[in-house]
N, C-alpha and C. Protein backbone atom coordinates (compact mmCIF):
# COMPACT_ATOMS: atom_id res chain seq x y z
N UNK A 1 0.84 -1.20 0.00
CA UNK A 1 0.00 0.00 0.00
C UNK A 1 0.87 1.25 0.00
N UNK A 2 0.40 2.28 -0.68
CA UNK A 2 1.15 3.53 -0.75
C UNK A 2 1.01 4.31 0.55
N UNK A 3 1.99 5.16 0.83
CA UNK A 3 1.83 6.09 1.95
C UNK A 3 0.82 7.15 1.54
N UNK A 4 0.16 7.77 2.51
CA UNK A 4 -0.88 8.74 2.17
C UNK A 4 -0.30 9.93 1.40
N UNK A 5 0.96 10.28 1.70
CA UNK A 5 1.58 11.38 0.97
C UNK A 5 1.71 11.04 -0.51
N UNK A 6 2.18 9.85 -0.79
CA UNK A 6 2.35 9.43 -2.17
C UNK A 6 1.02 9.42 -2.91
N UNK A 7 -0.03 8.96 -2.23
CA UNK A 7 -1.34 8.90 -2.86
C UNK A 7 -1.86 10.29 -3.19
N UNK A 8 -1.61 11.23 -2.26
CA UNK A 8 -2.08 12.59 -2.49
C UNK A 8 -1.38 13.20 -3.70
N UNK A 9 -0.07 12.97 -3.79
CA UNK A 9 0.69 13.52 -4.91
C UNK A 9 0.22 12.91 -6.23
N UNK A 10 -0.01 11.59 -6.22
CA UNK A 10 -0.40 10.94 -7.46
C UNK A 10 -1.82 11.34 -7.85
N UNK A 11 -2.67 11.61 -6.85
CA UNK A 11 -4.04 11.99 -7.21
C UNK A 11 -4.06 13.38 -7.83
N UNK A 12 -3.10 14.23 -7.44
CA UNK A 12 -3.05 15.56 -8.04
C UNK A 12 -2.64 15.46 -9.51
N UNK A 13 -1.61 14.67 -9.78
CA UNK A 13 -1.19 14.52 -11.17
C UNK A 13 -2.25 13.77 -11.97
N UNK A 14 -2.98 12.87 -11.30
CA UNK A 14 -4.07 12.15 -11.97
C UNK A 14 -5.15 13.14 -12.39
N UNK A 15 -5.46 14.09 -11.49
CA UNK A 15 -6.47 15.10 -11.84
C UNK A 15 -6.05 15.89 -13.07
N UNK A 16 -4.78 16.25 -13.13
CA UNK A 16 -4.28 16.99 -14.28
C UNK A 16 -4.37 16.13 -15.54
N UNK A 17 -4.00 14.86 -15.39
CA UNK A 17 -4.06 13.94 -16.52
C UNK A 17 -5.51 13.76 -16.98
N UNK A 18 -6.43 13.64 -16.02
CA UNK A 18 -7.84 13.49 -16.35
C UNK A 18 -8.35 14.71 -17.13
N UNK A 19 -7.95 15.88 -16.65
CA UNK A 19 -8.38 17.11 -17.33
C UNK A 19 -7.84 17.16 -18.75
N UNK A 20 -6.57 16.80 -18.89
CA UNK A 20 -5.93 16.81 -20.21
C UNK A 20 -6.60 15.79 -21.13
N UNK A 21 -6.94 14.63 -20.57
CA UNK A 21 -7.57 13.58 -21.37
C UNK A 21 -8.97 14.01 -21.81
N UNK A 22 -9.72 14.60 -20.88
CA UNK A 22 -11.06 15.10 -21.22
C UNK A 22 -10.97 16.13 -22.34
N UNK A 23 -9.97 17.01 -22.24
CA UNK A 23 -9.77 18.04 -23.26
C UNK A 23 -9.44 17.40 -24.60
N UNK A 24 -8.60 16.36 -24.57
CA UNK A 24 -8.20 15.69 -25.80
C UNK A 24 -9.41 15.04 -26.48
N UNK A 25 -10.27 14.42 -25.67
CA UNK A 25 -11.48 13.78 -26.21
C UNK A 25 -12.39 14.84 -26.81
N UNK A 26 -12.55 15.95 -26.08
CA UNK A 26 -13.40 17.03 -26.57
C UNK A 26 -12.87 17.60 -27.87
N UNK A 27 -11.53 17.74 -27.94
CA UNK A 27 -10.92 18.26 -29.16
C UNK A 27 -11.14 17.30 -30.32
N UNK A 28 -11.01 15.99 -30.04
CA UNK A 28 -11.22 14.99 -31.08
C UNK A 28 -12.66 15.04 -31.59
N UNK A 29 -13.61 15.22 -30.67
CA UNK A 29 -15.02 15.34 -31.06
C UNK A 29 -15.24 16.59 -31.89
N UNK A 30 -14.57 17.68 -31.48
CA UNK A 30 -14.71 18.94 -32.19
C UNK A 30 -14.18 18.88 -33.61
N UNK A 31 -13.19 17.97 -33.82
CA UNK A 31 -12.59 17.82 -35.15
C UNK A 31 -13.40 16.88 -36.03
N UNK A 32 -14.35 16.16 -35.44
CA UNK A 32 -15.14 15.21 -36.21
C UNK A 32 -16.11 15.96 -37.11
N UNK A 33 -16.02 15.71 -38.43
CA UNK A 33 -16.88 16.46 -39.37
C UNK A 33 -18.36 16.29 -39.05
N UNK A 34 -19.08 17.39 -38.97
CA UNK A 34 -20.52 17.35 -38.77
C UNK A 34 -20.94 17.07 -37.34
N UNK A 35 -19.97 16.93 -36.43
CA UNK A 35 -20.34 16.62 -35.05
C UNK A 35 -20.49 17.91 -34.25
N UNK A 36 -21.63 18.05 -33.58
CA UNK A 36 -21.88 19.25 -32.78
C UNK A 36 -21.53 18.96 -31.32
N UNK A 37 -20.39 19.54 -30.88
CA UNK A 37 -19.86 19.22 -29.55
C UNK A 37 -20.40 20.19 -28.50
N UNK A 38 -21.21 21.16 -28.94
CA UNK A 38 -21.61 22.24 -28.03
C UNK A 38 -22.40 21.76 -26.82
N UNK A 39 -23.19 20.70 -26.96
CA UNK A 39 -24.00 20.22 -25.85
C UNK A 39 -23.41 19.01 -25.14
N UNK A 40 -22.16 18.67 -25.49
CA UNK A 40 -21.54 17.46 -24.97
C UNK A 40 -20.58 17.78 -23.84
N UNK A 41 -20.68 17.02 -22.75
CA UNK A 41 -19.77 17.18 -21.62
C UNK A 41 -18.89 15.94 -21.51
N UNK A 42 -17.61 16.16 -21.32
CA UNK A 42 -16.66 15.06 -21.23
C UNK A 42 -16.02 15.07 -19.85
N UNK A 43 -16.12 13.93 -19.15
CA UNK A 43 -15.45 13.79 -17.85
C UNK A 43 -14.47 12.63 -17.96
N UNK A 44 -13.29 12.80 -17.37
CA UNK A 44 -12.31 11.72 -17.38
C UNK A 44 -11.95 11.38 -15.95
N UNK A 45 -11.78 10.09 -15.69
CA UNK A 45 -11.34 9.66 -14.38
C UNK A 45 -10.43 8.46 -14.54
N UNK A 46 -9.14 8.73 -14.43
CA UNK A 46 -8.16 7.65 -14.55
C UNK A 46 -8.26 6.88 -15.85
N UNK A 47 -8.50 7.57 -16.94
CA UNK A 47 -8.58 6.91 -18.24
C UNK A 47 -9.99 6.50 -18.64
N UNK A 48 -10.91 6.54 -17.68
CA UNK A 48 -12.30 6.21 -17.98
C UNK A 48 -13.04 7.49 -18.34
N UNK A 49 -13.63 7.51 -19.51
CA UNK A 49 -14.31 8.70 -20.01
C UNK A 49 -15.82 8.55 -19.82
N UNK A 50 -16.46 9.61 -19.36
CA UNK A 50 -17.91 9.65 -19.31
C UNK A 50 -18.38 10.76 -20.23
N UNK A 51 -19.20 10.40 -21.20
CA UNK A 51 -19.80 11.39 -22.10
C UNK A 51 -21.22 11.64 -21.64
N UNK A 52 -21.57 12.91 -21.45
CA UNK A 52 -22.95 13.23 -21.10
C UNK A 52 -23.37 14.46 -21.88
N UNK A 53 -24.64 14.83 -21.71
CA UNK A 53 -25.16 15.93 -22.51
C UNK A 53 -25.99 15.39 -23.65
N UNK A 54 -26.15 16.20 -24.68
CA UNK A 54 -27.02 15.77 -25.77
C UNK A 54 -26.46 16.18 -27.13
N UNK A 55 -26.86 15.41 -28.14
CA UNK A 55 -26.51 15.70 -29.53
C UNK A 55 -27.81 15.80 -30.32
N UNK A 56 -27.73 16.44 -31.47
CA UNK A 56 -28.94 16.68 -32.26
C UNK A 56 -29.27 15.55 -33.21
N UNK A 57 -28.33 14.61 -33.37
CA UNK A 57 -28.53 13.51 -34.30
C UNK A 57 -28.18 12.20 -33.60
N UNK A 58 -29.09 11.25 -33.63
CA UNK A 58 -28.89 9.98 -32.93
C UNK A 58 -27.62 9.25 -33.33
N UNK A 59 -27.21 9.38 -34.60
CA UNK A 59 -26.01 8.67 -35.06
C UNK A 59 -24.76 9.23 -34.38
N UNK A 60 -24.85 10.45 -33.88
CA UNK A 60 -23.68 11.07 -33.26
C UNK A 60 -23.39 10.49 -31.88
N UNK A 61 -24.38 9.85 -31.26
CA UNK A 61 -24.17 9.24 -29.95
C UNK A 61 -23.13 8.13 -30.08
N UNK A 62 -23.36 7.23 -31.04
CA UNK A 62 -22.43 6.13 -31.25
C UNK A 62 -21.09 6.66 -31.76
N UNK A 63 -21.17 7.64 -32.63
CA UNK A 63 -19.96 8.25 -33.20
C UNK A 63 -19.08 8.83 -32.09
N UNK A 64 -19.70 9.51 -31.14
CA UNK A 64 -18.95 10.12 -30.04
C UNK A 64 -18.22 9.05 -29.23
N UNK A 65 -18.89 7.91 -28.99
CA UNK A 65 -18.27 6.82 -28.26
C UNK A 65 -17.07 6.27 -28.98
N UNK A 66 -17.20 6.11 -30.31
CA UNK A 66 -16.09 5.58 -31.12
C UNK A 66 -14.91 6.55 -31.10
N UNK A 67 -15.20 7.84 -31.25
CA UNK A 67 -14.14 8.86 -31.26
C UNK A 67 -13.43 8.88 -29.91
N UNK A 68 -14.21 8.83 -28.83
CA UNK A 68 -13.63 8.86 -27.49
C UNK A 68 -12.72 7.66 -27.27
N UNK A 69 -13.16 6.48 -27.73
CA UNK A 69 -12.36 5.26 -27.57
C UNK A 69 -11.04 5.35 -28.32
N UNK A 70 -11.03 6.10 -29.41
CA UNK A 70 -9.84 6.16 -30.25
C UNK A 70 -8.77 7.11 -29.70
N UNK A 71 -9.13 7.92 -28.71
CA UNK A 71 -8.18 8.88 -28.14
C UNK A 71 -7.17 8.15 -27.26
N UNK A 72 -5.90 8.48 -27.45
CA UNK A 72 -4.84 7.81 -26.69
C UNK A 72 -5.00 8.07 -25.20
N UNK A 73 -4.90 7.01 -24.39
CA UNK A 73 -5.01 7.16 -22.95
C UNK A 73 -6.38 6.79 -22.41
N UNK A 74 -7.36 6.68 -23.30
CA UNK A 74 -8.71 6.32 -22.86
C UNK A 74 -8.79 4.81 -22.67
N UNK A 75 -9.21 4.38 -21.48
CA UNK A 75 -9.30 2.95 -21.21
C UNK A 75 -10.73 2.44 -21.36
N UNK A 76 -11.71 3.28 -21.07
CA UNK A 76 -13.11 2.87 -21.23
C UNK A 76 -13.98 4.10 -21.45
N UNK A 77 -15.12 3.88 -22.06
CA UNK A 77 -16.04 4.98 -22.34
C UNK A 77 -17.42 4.63 -21.81
N UNK A 78 -17.96 5.51 -20.96
CA UNK A 78 -19.33 5.38 -20.52
C UNK A 78 -20.13 6.44 -21.26
N UNK A 79 -20.95 5.99 -22.20
CA UNK A 79 -21.63 6.92 -23.09
C UNK A 79 -23.05 7.19 -22.59
N UNK A 80 -23.23 8.36 -22.00
CA UNK A 80 -24.55 8.72 -21.47
C UNK A 80 -25.20 9.83 -22.28
N UNK A 81 -24.74 9.98 -23.52
CA UNK A 81 -25.31 11.01 -24.38
C UNK A 81 -26.78 10.70 -24.68
N UNK A 82 -27.56 11.75 -24.80
CA UNK A 82 -28.96 11.58 -25.16
C UNK A 82 -29.25 12.40 -26.40
N UNK A 83 -30.36 12.09 -27.01
CA UNK A 83 -30.79 12.81 -28.20
C UNK A 83 -31.50 14.10 -27.76
N UNK A 84 -31.06 15.19 -28.36
CA UNK A 84 -31.65 16.49 -28.01
C UNK A 84 -32.97 16.65 -28.76
N UNK A 85 -34.04 16.88 -28.01
CA UNK A 85 -35.34 17.12 -28.63
C UNK A 85 -35.65 18.60 -28.54
N UNK A 86 -35.23 19.34 -29.54
CA UNK A 86 -35.47 20.78 -29.52
C UNK A 86 -36.81 21.11 -30.12
N UNK A 87 -37.35 22.24 -29.74
CA UNK A 87 -38.64 22.66 -30.28
C UNK A 87 -38.56 23.00 -31.76
N UNK A 88 -37.40 23.55 -32.20
CA UNK A 88 -37.33 23.99 -33.59
C UNK A 88 -36.48 23.05 -34.44
N UNK A 89 -36.88 21.81 -34.51
CA UNK A 89 -36.27 20.84 -35.39
C UNK A 89 -34.83 20.59 -35.10
């Protein structure tokens, strides 16, 4: 078992890594042609990505999961994206 000091230090760098990974996934989604990333939230925790929020096209839900999986450092993807039902189409 690690000493508590070591765990605290590693959890800080893990937080930075998580933030960087979430940013990388978001950037990858933003680069995907036709993908609207504006309503999508990306959370990372130790390589595990959680996608939440909504997209305007159902096919983009699966697409987002595939893109997230392809980002280096991602170990798993929990895809909680939903279809956005807007009043104006």
